[in-house]
C-alpha atoms as a PDB file:
ATOM      1  CA  MET A   1     -16.224 -42.279  64.861  1.00  0.00           C
ATOM      2  CA  SER A   2     -18.029 -39.441  66.475  1.00  0.00           C
ATOM      3  CA  MET A   3     -19.911 -36.417  65.256  1.00  0.00           C
ATOM      4  CA  ASN A   4     -20.149 -33.011  66.829  1.00  0.00           C
ATOM      5  CA  VAL A   5     -23.732 -31.845  66.510  1.00  0.00           C
ATOM      6  CA  GLY A   6     -23.280 -28.700  68.496  1.00  0.00           C
ATOM      7  CA  SER A   7     -22.472 -27.470  71.947  1.00  0.00           C
ATOM      8  CA  PRO A   8     -25.168 -27.702  74.585  1.00  0.00           C
ATOM      9  CA  SER A   9     -26.776 -24.363  75.294  1.00  0.00           C
ATOM     10  CA  GLU A  10     -27.649 -22.999  78.721  1.00  0.00           C
ATOM     11  CA  SER A  11     -31.101 -24.500  78.579  1.00  0.00           C
ATOM     12  CA  GLY A  12     -29.655 -27.962  78.048  1.00  0.00           C
ATOM     13  CA  GLU A  13     -30.749 -28.335  74.425  1.00  0.00           C
ATOM     14  CA  GLU A  14     -28.224 -28.899  71.724  1.00  0.00           C
ATOM     15  CA  ALA A  15     -27.824 -25.976  69.266  1.00  0.00           C
ATOM     16  CA  PRO A  16     -27.089 -26.562  65.585  1.00  0.00           C
ATOM     17  CA  MET A  17     -23.491 -26.198  64.426  1.00  0.00           C
ATOM     18  CA  THR A  18     -22.911 -22.788  62.787  1.00  0.00           C
ATOM     19  CA  GLU A  19     -19.413 -23.388  61.389  1.00  0.00           C
ATOM     20  CA  ILE A  20     -19.020 -24.353  57.715  1.00  0.00           C
ATOM     21  CA  ASN A  21     -16.779 -27.282  56.831  1.00  0.00           C
ATOM     22  CA  THR A  22     -14.461 -25.900  54.127  1.00  0.00           C
ATOM     23  CA  THR A  23     -12.428 -29.055  53.540  1.00  0.00           C
ATOM     24  CA  PRO A  24     -14.563 -30.337  50.605  1.00  0.00           C
ATOM     25  CA  LEU A  25     -14.522 -26.884  49.029  1.00  0.00           C
ATOM     26  CA  VAL A  26     -10.731 -26.732  49.215  1.00  0.00           C
ATOM     27  CA  ASP A  27     -10.466 -30.241  47.759  1.00  0.00           C
ATOM     28  CA  VAL A  28     -12.680 -29.324  44.790  1.00  0.00           C
ATOM     29  CA  MET A  29     -10.759 -26.099  44.174  1.00  0.00           C
ATOM     30  CA  LEU A  30      -7.417 -27.929  44.193  1.00  0.00           C
ATOM     31  CA  VAL A  31      -8.705 -30.494  41.704  1.00  0.00           C
ATOM     32  CA  LEU A  32      -9.989 -27.707  39.411  1.00  0.00           C
ATOM     33  CA  LEU A  33      -6.655 -25.884  39.680  1.00  0.00           C
ATOM     34  CA  ILE A  34      -4.753 -29.003  38.642  1.00  0.00           C
ATOM     35  CA  ILE A  35      -7.139 -29.587  35.712  1.00  0.00           C
ATOM     36  CA  PHE A  36      -6.679 -26.011  34.495  1.00  0.00           C
ATOM     37  CA  LEU A  37      -2.895 -26.189  34.854  1.00  0.00           C
ATOM     38  CA  ILE A  38      -2.862 -29.308  32.687  1.00  0.00           C
ATOM     39  CA  THR A  39      -5.342 -28.164  30.004  1.00  0.00           C
ATOM     40  CA  VAL A  40      -4.300 -24.525  29.447  1.00  0.00           C
ATOM     41  CA  PRO A  41      -1.000 -25.327  27.663  1.00  0.00           C
ATOM     42  CA  VAL A  42      -2.868 -27.750  25.399  1.00  0.00           C
ATOM     43  CA  VAL A  43      -5.552 -25.188  24.501  1.00  0.00           C
ATOM     44  CA  ILE A  44      -3.107 -22.358  23.750  1.00  0.00           C
ATOM     45  CA  GLN A  45      -1.623 -23.193  20.366  1.00  0.00           C
ATOM     46  CA  THR A  46       1.293 -21.162  19.128  1.00  0.00           C
ATOM     47  CA  VAL A  47       3.515 -21.540  16.110  1.00  0.00           C
ATOM     48  CA  PRO A  48       7.135 -21.907  17.163  1.00  0.00           C
ATOM     49  CA  LEU A  49       9.043 -18.997  15.633  1.00  0.00           C
ATOM     50  CA  THR A  50      12.457 -17.535  15.990  1.00  0.00           C
ATOM     51  CA  LEU A  51      11.809 -13.825  15.862  1.00  0.00           C
ATOM     52  CA  PRO A  52      14.505 -11.615  14.341  1.00  0.00           C
ATOM     53  CA  LYS A  53      16.757  -9.651  16.601  1.00  0.00           C
ATOM     54  CA  VAL A  54      16.800  -5.911  16.053  1.00  0.00           C
ATOM     55  CA  VAL A  55      20.070  -5.056  14.370  1.00  0.00           C
ATOM     56  CA  ASN A  56      20.550  -1.977  12.275  1.00  0.00           C
ATOM     57  CA  LEU A  57      23.080  -2.403   9.515  1.00  0.00           C
ATOM     58  CA  PRO A  58      24.275   0.513   7.440  1.00  0.00           C
ATOM     59  CA  THR A  59      22.754   0.347   3.961  1.00  0.00           C
ATOM     60  CA  THR A  60      24.844   0.280   0.843  1.00  0.00           C
ATOM     61  CA  THR A  61      23.434   2.882  -1.474  1.00  0.00           C
ATOM     62  CA  LYS A  62      23.824   2.170  -5.174  1.00  0.00           C
ATOM     63  CA  PRO A  63      22.954   4.751  -7.805  1.00  0.00           C
ATOM     64  CA  GLU A  64      20.362   2.457  -9.407  1.00  0.00           C
ATOM     65  CA  ASN A  65      18.447   1.927  -6.144  1.00  0.00           C
ATOM     66  CA  VAL A  66      15.147   3.740  -5.749  1.00  0.00           C
ATOM     67  CA  LEU A  67      14.626   5.827  -2.615  1.00  0.00           C
ATOM     68  CA  LEU A  68      11.009   6.462  -1.629  1.00  0.00           C
ATOM     69  CA  SER A  69       9.678   8.418   1.341  1.00  0.00           C
ATOM     70  CA  VAL A  70       6.178   8.224   2.811  1.00  0.00           C
ATOM     71  CA  ASP A  71       5.111  10.940   5.237  1.00  0.00           C
ATOM     72  CA  SER A  72       2.417  10.884   7.910  1.00  0.00           C
ATOM     73  CA  SER A  73      -0.187  12.240   5.448  1.00  0.00           C
ATOM     74  CA  CYS A  74       0.360   9.292   3.043  1.00  0.00           C
ATOM     75  CA  ASN A  75       2.219  11.473   0.533  1.00  0.00           C
ATOM     76  CA  THR A  76       4.806   9.498  -1.438  1.00  0.00           C
ATOM     77  CA  TYR A  77       8.070  11.038  -2.632  1.00  0.00           C
ATOM     78  CA  TRP A  78      10.391   9.616  -5.309  1.00  0.00           C
ATOM     79  CA  GLY A  79      13.699  10.976  -4.077  1.00  0.00           C
ATOM     80  CA  GLN A  80      12.707  14.575  -3.348  1.00  0.00           C
ATOM     81  CA  GLN A  81       9.864  14.815  -5.878  1.00  0.00           C
ATOM     82  CA  LYS A  82       6.266  14.220  -4.805  1.00  0.00           C
ATOM     83  CA  VAL A  83       4.359  11.449  -6.606  1.00  0.00           C
ATOM     84  CA  SER A  84       0.749  12.487  -7.170  1.00  0.00           C
ATOM     85  CA  SER A  85      -0.940   9.078  -7.642  1.00  0.00           C
ATOM     86  CA  LYS A  86      -0.409   5.331  -7.434  1.00  0.00           C
ATOM     87  CA  GLN A  87      -0.571   5.127 -11.233  1.00  0.00           C
ATOM     88  CA  GLU A  88       2.258   7.633 -11.552  1.00  0.00           C
ATOM     89  CA  LEU A  89       4.263   5.597  -9.014  1.00  0.00           C
ATOM     90  CA  LEU A  90       3.610   2.442 -11.039  1.00  0.00           C
ATOM     91  CA  ASP A  91       4.622   4.115 -14.305  1.00  0.00           C
ATOM     92  CA  ARG A  92       7.823   5.564 -12.845  1.00  0.00           C
ATOM     93  CA  SER A  93       8.700   2.230 -11.216  1.00  0.00           C
ATOM     94  CA  VAL A  94       8.225   0.269 -14.440  1.00  0.00           C
ATOM     95  CA  ALA A  95      10.237   2.861 -16.380  1.00  0.00           C
ATOM     96  CA  ALA A  96      13.087   2.803 -13.848  1.00  0.00           C
ATOM     97  CA  LEU A  97      13.201  -0.994 -13.828  1.00  0.00           C
ATOM     98  CA  ARG A  98      13.174  -1.218 -17.647  1.00  0.00           C
ATOM     99  CA  ALA A  99      15.914   1.419 -17.907  1.00  0.00           C
ATOM    100  CA  GLU A 100      18.122  -0.496 -15.479  1.00  0.00           C
ATOM    101  CA  ILE A 101      17.571  -3.785 -17.318  1.00  0.00           C
ATOM    102  CA  ALA A 102      18.391  -2.091 -20.648  1.00  0.00           C
ATOM    103  CA  ARG A 103      21.541  -0.552 -19.146  1.00  0.00           C
ATOM    104  CA  GLN A 104      22.702  -3.937 -17.856  1.00  0.00           C
ATOM    105  CA  LYS A 105      22.072  -5.550 -21.262  1.00  0.00           C
ATOM    106  CA  ALA A 106      24.012  -2.779 -23.019  1.00  0.00           C
ATOM    107  CA  GLU A 107      26.972  -3.269 -20.688  1.00  0.00           C
ATOM    108  CA  GLY A 108      26.738  -7.025 -21.078  1.00  0.00           C
ATOM    109  CA  SER A 109      26.914  -7.569 -17.349  1.00  0.00           C
ATOM    110  CA  LYS A 110      24.446  -9.558 -15.318  1.00  0.00           C
ATOM    111  CA  GLN A 111      23.958  -7.720 -12.062  1.00  0.00           C
ATOM    112  CA  GLU A 112      21.206  -7.731  -9.512  1.00  0.00           C
ATOM    113  CA  LEU A 113      18.060  -5.756 -10.076  1.00  0.00           C
ATOM    114  CA  PRO A 114      17.805  -2.465  -8.210  1.00  0.00           C
ATOM    115  CA  GLU A 115      16.364  -2.352  -4.724  1.00  0.00           C
ATOM    116  CA  VAL A 116      13.739  -0.034  -3.299  1.00  0.00           C
ATOM    117  CA  HIS A 117      14.438   1.636   0.026  1.00  0.00           C
ATOM    118  CA  ILE A 118      11.381   3.067   1.764  1.00  0.00           C
ATOM    119  CA  ARG A 119      11.673   5.666   4.488  1.00  0.00           C
ATOM    120  CA  GLY A 120       8.410   5.872   6.409  1.00  0.00           C
ATOM    121  CA  ASP A 121       7.294   8.353   9.019  1.00  0.00           C
ATOM    122  CA  SER A 122       6.707   6.754  12.409  1.00  0.00           C
ATOM    123  CA  GLN A 123       3.250   8.362  12.650  1.00  0.00           C
ATOM    124  CA  MET A 124       1.933   7.079   9.312  1.00  0.00           C
ATOM    125  CA  GLU A 125      -0.744   4.429   8.982  1.00  0.00           C
ATOM    126  CA  TYR A 126       0.170   1.006   7.665  1.00  0.00           C
ATOM    127  CA  ARG A 127      -2.144   1.359   4.661  1.00  0.00           C
ATOM    128  CA  CYS A 128       0.078   4.158   3.343  1.00  0.00           C
ATOM    129  CA  VAL A 129       3.190   2.029   3.006  1.00  0.00           C
ATOM    130  CA  GLY A 130       1.146  -1.090   2.172  1.00  0.00           C
ATOM    131  CA  GLY A 131      -0.170   0.547  -1.002  1.00  0.00           C
ATOM    132  CA  VAL A 132       3.333   1.630  -1.997  1.00  0.00           C
ATOM    133  CA  ILE A 133       4.694  -1.886  -1.510  1.00  0.00           C
ATOM    134  CA  TYR A 134       1.847  -3.387  -3.541  1.00  0.00           C
ATOM    135  CA  THR A 135       2.463  -0.929  -6.384  1.00  0.00           C
ATOM    136  CA  LEU A 136       6.200  -1.661  -6.401  1.00  0.00           C
ATOM    137  CA  GLN A 137       5.576  -5.407  -6.486  1.00  0.00           C
ATOM    138  CA  ARG A 138       3.231  -4.934  -9.453  1.00  0.00           C
ATOM    139  CA  ALA A 139       5.988  -2.981 -11.191  1.00  0.00           C
ATOM    140  CA  GLY A 140       8.394  -5.915 -10.805  1.00  0.00           C
ATOM    141  CA  PHE A 141      10.702  -4.949  -7.954  1.00  0.00           C
ATOM    142  CA  GLN A 142      11.821  -7.966  -5.959  1.00  0.00           C
ATOM    143  CA  LYS A 143      13.791  -6.377  -3.137  1.00  0.00           C
ATOM    144  CA  ILE A 144      12.037  -3.804  -0.994  1.00  0.00           C
ATOM    145  CA  GLY A 145      13.617  -2.638   2.240  1.00  0.00           C
ATOM    146  CA  PHE A 146      12.895  -0.143   4.988  1.00  0.00           C
ATOM    147  CA  ILE A 147      15.221   2.540   6.257  1.00  0.00           C
ATOM    148  CA  SER A 148      15.095   3.200  10.003  1.00  0.00           C
ATOM    149  CA  GLU A 149      17.071   5.046  12.608  1.00  0.00           C
ATOM    150  CA  PRO A 150      18.906   3.069  15.275  1.00  0.00           C
ATOM    151  CA  PRO A 151      17.925   3.813  18.868  1.00  0.00           C
ATOM    152  CA  ALA A 152      20.040   6.436  20.581  1.00  0.00           C
ATOM    153  CA  GLY A 153      23.202   5.084  22.130  1.00  0.00           C
ATOM    154  CA  THR A 154      23.477   1.947  19.979  1.00  0.00           C
ATOM    155  CA  ILE A 155      26.594   1.028  18.052  1.00  0.00           C
ATOM    156  CA  THR A 156      26.219  -0.626  14.660  1.00  0.00           C
ATOM    157  CA  THR A 157      28.982  -2.690  13.146  1.00  0.00           C
ATOM    158  CA  ARG A 158      29.263  -4.632   9.945  1.00  0.00           C
END
């Protein structure tokens, strides 16, 4: 085995070698790359989910359903009438739910409870609709849905 110390200079003395041996550096980098490729999937923990596909189905509007609208200024509307406070929304929700239950008892039929359909402005903050949902849950509504517009050019079928 031989070693190259350097090329002899003009004066006859050997000069030191000025080239860097990069082979050990490449070996270390390849080992680190393999270690990272093995450990990264173990470190990243995700919950396996099947996310819903976006499908817009036409809603079936029943007369007993409650239609609420929330605009970008967090104003809530019951149908077309503005609701001034969360307490008023709670009172109206409880009254509407009790009236529907009483109507079903009077008819002697066991039907489903009414649903709430919320139409929200796309520019509103989440806290606006979050407060409405919380109030409706306190009132006793079990089914709360959102009304949206399908993207342009899509066809919806039932």
